[in-house]
C-alpha atoms as a PDB file:
ATOM      1  CA  MET A   1     130.202   3.092 -46.448  1.00  0.00           C
ATOM      2  CA  ARG A   2     127.819   4.800 -48.860  1.00  0.00           C
ATOM      3  CA  PHE A   3     125.099   2.312 -47.854  1.00  0.00           C
ATOM      4  CA  MET A   4     125.555   3.224 -44.169  1.00  0.00           C
ATOM      5  CA  GLN A   5     125.274   6.950 -44.928  1.00  0.00           C
ATOM      6  CA  THR A   6     122.119   6.384 -46.973  1.00  0.00           C
ATOM      7  CA  LEU A   7     120.656   4.215 -44.224  1.00  0.00           C
ATOM      8  CA  LEU A   8     121.466   6.879 -41.633  1.00  0.00           C
ATOM      9  CA  LEU A   9     119.839   9.624 -43.730  1.00  0.00           C
ATOM     10  CA  VAL A  10     116.718   7.536 -44.311  1.00  0.00           C
ATOM     11  CA  SER A  11     116.495   6.785 -40.574  1.00  0.00           C
ATOM     12  CA  ILE A  12     116.832  10.467 -39.671  1.00  0.00           C
ATOM     13  CA  ALA A  13     114.218  11.462 -42.246  1.00  0.00           C
ATOM     14  CA  ALA A  14     111.811   8.818 -40.916  1.00  0.00           C
ATOM     15  CA  ALA A  15     112.329   9.971 -37.332  1.00  0.00           C
ATOM     16  CA  ILE A  16     111.715  13.607 -38.271  1.00  0.00           C
ATOM     17  CA  GLY A  17     108.597  12.627 -40.209  1.00  0.00           C
ATOM     18  CA  ALA A  18     107.272  10.575 -37.290  1.00  0.00           C
ATOM     19  CA  ALA A  19     107.955  13.384 -34.827  1.00  0.00           C
ATOM     20  CA  HIS A  20     106.210  15.865 -37.119  1.00  0.00           C
ATOM     21  CA  GLY A  21     103.207  13.530 -37.409  1.00  0.00           C
ATOM     22  CA  LEU A  22     102.999  13.136 -33.632  1.00  0.00           C
ATOM     23  CA  ALA A  23     103.175  16.903 -33.159  1.00  0.00           C
ATOM     24  CA  GLN A  24     100.322  17.351 -35.632  1.00  0.00           C
ATOM     25  CA  GLU A  25      98.246  14.692 -33.849  1.00  0.00           C
ATOM     26  CA  GLU A  26      98.866  16.321 -30.464  1.00  0.00           C
ATOM     27  CA  SER A  27      97.867  19.741 -31.780  1.00  0.00           C
ATOM     28  CA  LYS A  28      94.612  18.270 -33.110  1.00  0.00           C
ATOM     29  CA  LEU A  29      93.848  16.708 -29.746  1.00  0.00           C
ATOM     30  CA  ALA A  30      94.868  19.654 -27.584  1.00  0.00           C
ATOM     31  CA  VAL A  31      92.163  21.875 -26.162  1.00  0.00           C
ATOM     32  CA  PRO A  32      92.680  25.557 -26.990  1.00  0.00           C
ATOM     33  CA  HIS A  33      93.912  27.666 -24.093  1.00  0.00           C
ATOM     34  CA  SER A  34      90.782  29.841 -24.385  1.00  0.00           C
ATOM     35  CA  VAL A  35      88.604  27.067 -22.907  1.00  0.00           C
ATOM     36  CA  VAL A  36      91.042  25.604 -20.396  1.00  0.00           C
ATOM     37  CA  GLY A  37      90.057  26.385 -16.828  1.00  0.00           C
ATOM     38  CA  CYS A  38      87.178  26.431 -14.374  1.00  0.00           C
ATOM     39  CA  TRP A  39      83.806  27.681 -15.645  1.00  0.00           C
ATOM     40  CA  SER A  40      80.399  28.367 -14.065  1.00  0.00           C
ATOM     41  CA  LYS A  41      76.813  28.516 -15.285  1.00  0.00           C
ATOM     42  CA  HIS A  42      73.389  28.588 -13.650  1.00  0.00           C
ATOM     43  CA  VAL A  43      71.489  25.519 -14.800  1.00  0.00           C
ATOM     44  CA  PRO A  44      67.772  24.841 -14.258  1.00  0.00           C
ATOM     45  CA  ALA A  45      66.737  21.621 -12.523  1.00  0.00           C
ATOM     46  CA  LEU A  46      67.733  18.636 -14.643  1.00  0.00           C
ATOM     47  CA  SER A  47      65.506  15.672 -15.486  1.00  0.00           C
ATOM     48  CA  VAL A  48      67.979  13.341 -13.743  1.00  0.00           C
ATOM     49  CA  GLY A  49      67.043  14.783 -10.323  1.00  0.00           C
ATOM     50  CA  THR A  50      69.622  17.542  -9.889  1.00  0.00           C
ATOM     51  CA  SER A  51      68.174  20.769  -8.517  1.00  0.00           C
ATOM     52  CA  ALA A  52      68.677  24.152 -10.139  1.00  0.00           C
ATOM     53  CA  GLY A  53      71.843  26.004  -9.287  1.00  0.00           C
ATOM     54  CA  VAL A  54      75.308  27.002 -10.386  1.00  0.00           C
ATOM     55  CA  TRP A  55      77.301  24.156 -11.900  1.00  0.00           C
ATOM     56  CA  LEU A  56      81.060  24.272 -12.357  1.00  0.00           C
ATOM     57  CA  ILE A  57      83.025  22.505 -15.056  1.00  0.00           C
ATOM     58  CA  ARG A  58      86.778  22.114 -15.440  1.00  0.00           C
ATOM     59  CA  ILE A  59      88.455  21.567 -18.785  1.00  0.00           C
ATOM     60  CA  LYS A  60      92.152  20.728 -18.884  1.00  0.00           C
ATOM     61  CA  SER A  61      94.492  21.193 -21.837  1.00  0.00           C
ATOM     62  CA  ASN A  62      94.598  17.423 -22.424  1.00  0.00           C
ATOM     63  CA  GLY A  63      90.789  17.329 -22.769  1.00  0.00           C
ATOM     64  CA  ALA A  64      90.009  16.033 -19.279  1.00  0.00           C
ATOM     65  CA  PHE A  65      86.548  17.255 -18.253  1.00  0.00           C
ATOM     66  CA  ALA A  66      84.951  17.305 -14.798  1.00  0.00           C
ATOM     67  CA  ALA A  67      81.526  18.596 -13.697  1.00  0.00           C
ATOM     68  CA  TYR A  68      80.661  19.827 -10.202  1.00  0.00           C
ATOM     69  CA  THR A  69      77.092  20.034  -8.882  1.00  0.00           C
ATOM     70  CA  PRO A  70      75.507  23.167  -7.417  1.00  0.00           C
ATOM     71  CA  GLY A  71      77.063  24.047  -4.081  1.00  0.00           C
ATOM     72  CA  SER A  72      80.609  23.354  -5.228  1.00  0.00           C
ATOM     73  CA  ARG A  73      82.806  26.397  -4.807  1.00  0.00           C
ATOM     74  CA  LYS A  74      85.947  25.307  -6.655  1.00  0.00           C
ATOM     75  CA  CYS A  75      86.925  23.025  -9.488  1.00  0.00           C
ATOM     76  CA  ASP A  76      89.237  21.010  -7.274  1.00  0.00           C
ATOM     77  CA  SER A  77      86.663  19.334  -5.074  1.00  0.00           C
ATOM     78  CA  TYR A  78      84.991  15.977  -5.687  1.00  0.00           C
ATOM     79  CA  SER A  79      83.358  16.004  -9.137  1.00  0.00           C
ATOM     80  CA  ASP A  80      79.919  14.652  -9.958  1.00  0.00           C
ATOM     81  CA  PHE A  81      81.187  13.080 -13.173  1.00  0.00           C
ATOM     82  CA  THR A  82      84.112  13.176 -15.560  1.00  0.00           C
ATOM     83  CA  SER A  83      84.519  12.765 -19.290  1.00  0.00           C
ATOM     84  CA  HIS A  84      86.794  13.863 -22.102  1.00  0.00           C
ATOM     85  CA  VAL A  85      86.362  16.674 -24.620  1.00  0.00           C
ATOM     86  CA  SER A  86      88.015  17.463 -27.916  1.00  0.00           C
ATOM     87  CA  ILE A  87      87.719  20.595 -29.988  1.00  0.00           C
ATOM     88  CA  ASN A  88      88.027  20.747 -33.752  1.00  0.00           C
ATOM     89  CA  SER A  89      86.818  23.378 -36.236  1.00  0.00           C
ATOM     90  CA  GLY A  90      84.705  25.231 -33.690  1.00  0.00           C
ATOM     91  CA  ARG A  91      83.013  22.067 -32.432  1.00  0.00           C
ATOM     92  CA  LEU A  92      83.346  20.626 -28.947  1.00  0.00           C
ATOM     93  CA  THR A  93      82.753  16.890 -28.699  1.00  0.00           C
ATOM     94  CA  ILE A  94      82.209  15.386 -25.274  1.00  0.00           C
ATOM     95  CA  GLY A  95      82.519  11.684 -24.627  1.00  0.00           C
ATOM     96  CA  HIS A  96      80.135   9.492 -22.695  1.00  0.00           C
ATOM     97  CA  VAL A  97      79.029  10.406 -19.182  1.00  0.00           C
ATOM     98  CA  PRO A  98      77.310   8.168 -16.604  1.00  0.00           C
ATOM     99  CA  ILE A  99      73.830   8.872 -17.975  1.00  0.00           C
ATOM    100  CA  CYS A 100      74.767   8.960 -21.682  1.00  0.00           C
ATOM    101  CA  ALA A 101      76.701   6.298 -23.557  1.00  0.00           C
ATOM    102  CA  SER A 102      77.002   8.381 -26.736  1.00  0.00           C
ATOM    103  CA  ASN A 103      79.081  11.446 -27.604  1.00  0.00           C
ATOM    104  CA  GLY A 104      77.592  14.931 -27.805  1.00  0.00           C
ATOM    105  CA  VAL A 105      78.622  17.624 -30.277  1.00  0.00           C
ATOM    106  CA  TYR A 106      78.326  21.351 -29.585  1.00  0.00           C
ATOM    107  CA  ALA A 107      79.164  24.498 -31.553  1.00  0.00           C
ATOM    108  CA  LEU A 108      81.714  26.486 -29.543  1.00  0.00           C
ATOM    109  CA  LYS A 109      82.292  30.222 -29.474  1.00  0.00           C
ATOM    110  CA  ALA A 110      84.975  31.308 -27.004  1.00  0.00           C
ATOM    111  CA  SER A 111      86.184  34.623 -25.621  1.00  0.00           C
ATOM    112  CA  PRO A 112      88.693  35.292 -22.823  1.00  0.00           C
ATOM    113  CA  LYS A 113      86.050  35.386 -20.053  1.00  0.00           C
ATOM    114  CA  SER A 114      83.319  33.113 -21.380  1.00  0.00           C
ATOM    115  CA  PHE A 115      82.340  30.556 -23.966  1.00  0.00           C
ATOM    116  CA  THR A 116      79.016  29.558 -25.449  1.00  0.00           C
ATOM    117  CA  LEU A 117      77.914  26.065 -26.429  1.00  0.00           C
ATOM    118  CA  HIS A 118      75.020  25.376 -28.812  1.00  0.00           C
ATOM    119  CA  THR A 119      73.812  21.800 -29.213  1.00  0.00           C
ATOM    120  CA  VAL A 120      74.601  20.388 -32.646  1.00  0.00           C
ATOM    121  CA  ALA A 121      74.007  16.674 -31.982  1.00  0.00           C
ATOM    122  CA  ASP A 122      73.068  15.272 -28.573  1.00  0.00           C
ATOM    123  CA  LYS A 123      69.455  14.091 -28.954  1.00  0.00           C
ATOM    124  CA  ALA A 124      70.220  10.855 -27.125  1.00  0.00           C
ATOM    125  CA  CYS A 125      71.096  12.781 -23.966  1.00  0.00           C
ATOM    126  CA  PRO A 126      68.783  15.726 -23.229  1.00  0.00           C
ATOM    127  CA  ALA A 127      70.062  16.089 -19.633  1.00  0.00           C
ATOM    128  CA  ARG A 128      73.646  16.579 -20.833  1.00  0.00           C
ATOM    129  CA  ALA A 129      72.475  19.056 -23.487  1.00  0.00           C
ATOM    130  CA  ALA A 130      70.495  20.994 -20.846  1.00  0.00           C
ATOM    131  CA  LEU A 131      73.594  21.136 -18.662  1.00  0.00           C
ATOM    132  CA  LEU A 132      76.139  22.112 -21.312  1.00  0.00           C
ATOM    133  CA  ALA A 133      74.285  24.382 -23.753  1.00  0.00           C
ATOM    134  CA  GLY A 134      74.505  28.074 -22.921  1.00  0.00           C
ATOM    135  CA  ILE A 135      77.038  30.595 -21.711  1.00  0.00           C
ATOM    136  CA  TRP A 136      79.803  29.494 -19.349  1.00  0.00           C
ATOM    137  CA  LYS A 137      81.732  32.200 -17.469  1.00  0.00           C
ATOM    138  CA  ARG A 138      85.322  31.880 -16.316  1.00  0.00           C
ATOM    139  CA  LYS A 139      85.433  31.222 -12.578  1.00  0.00           C
ATOM    140  CA  THR A 140      88.000  33.387 -10.835  1.00  0.00           C
END
């Protein structure tokens, strides 16, 4: 009987520990609410052949990222490309995109109506850096 009680307690403790670990992992992967949403920024012509204009990007709480070329009016239309972002310690990391197989890292400063990205490490992909670096304003 005592063995069964001990086994039950150990099982409960392990389950609580695992749940706590998963919650910590999810919180590390979650994108802060301050950058979730649809954002806009005027971008000069890019070296990949995209003309100058207002780009839109959408960032979801799970890190899903979508970019919309100039002329798009909402962040629910067909996107030009998608990727995934994560945010940790004031740094936004974006995964590969069609023209860049490597990740890019950007310093992030967010406010309720805008956020600013400064390139930290994205030398392998100057077009992505030209698109992302700068001030993004919340699209209403």
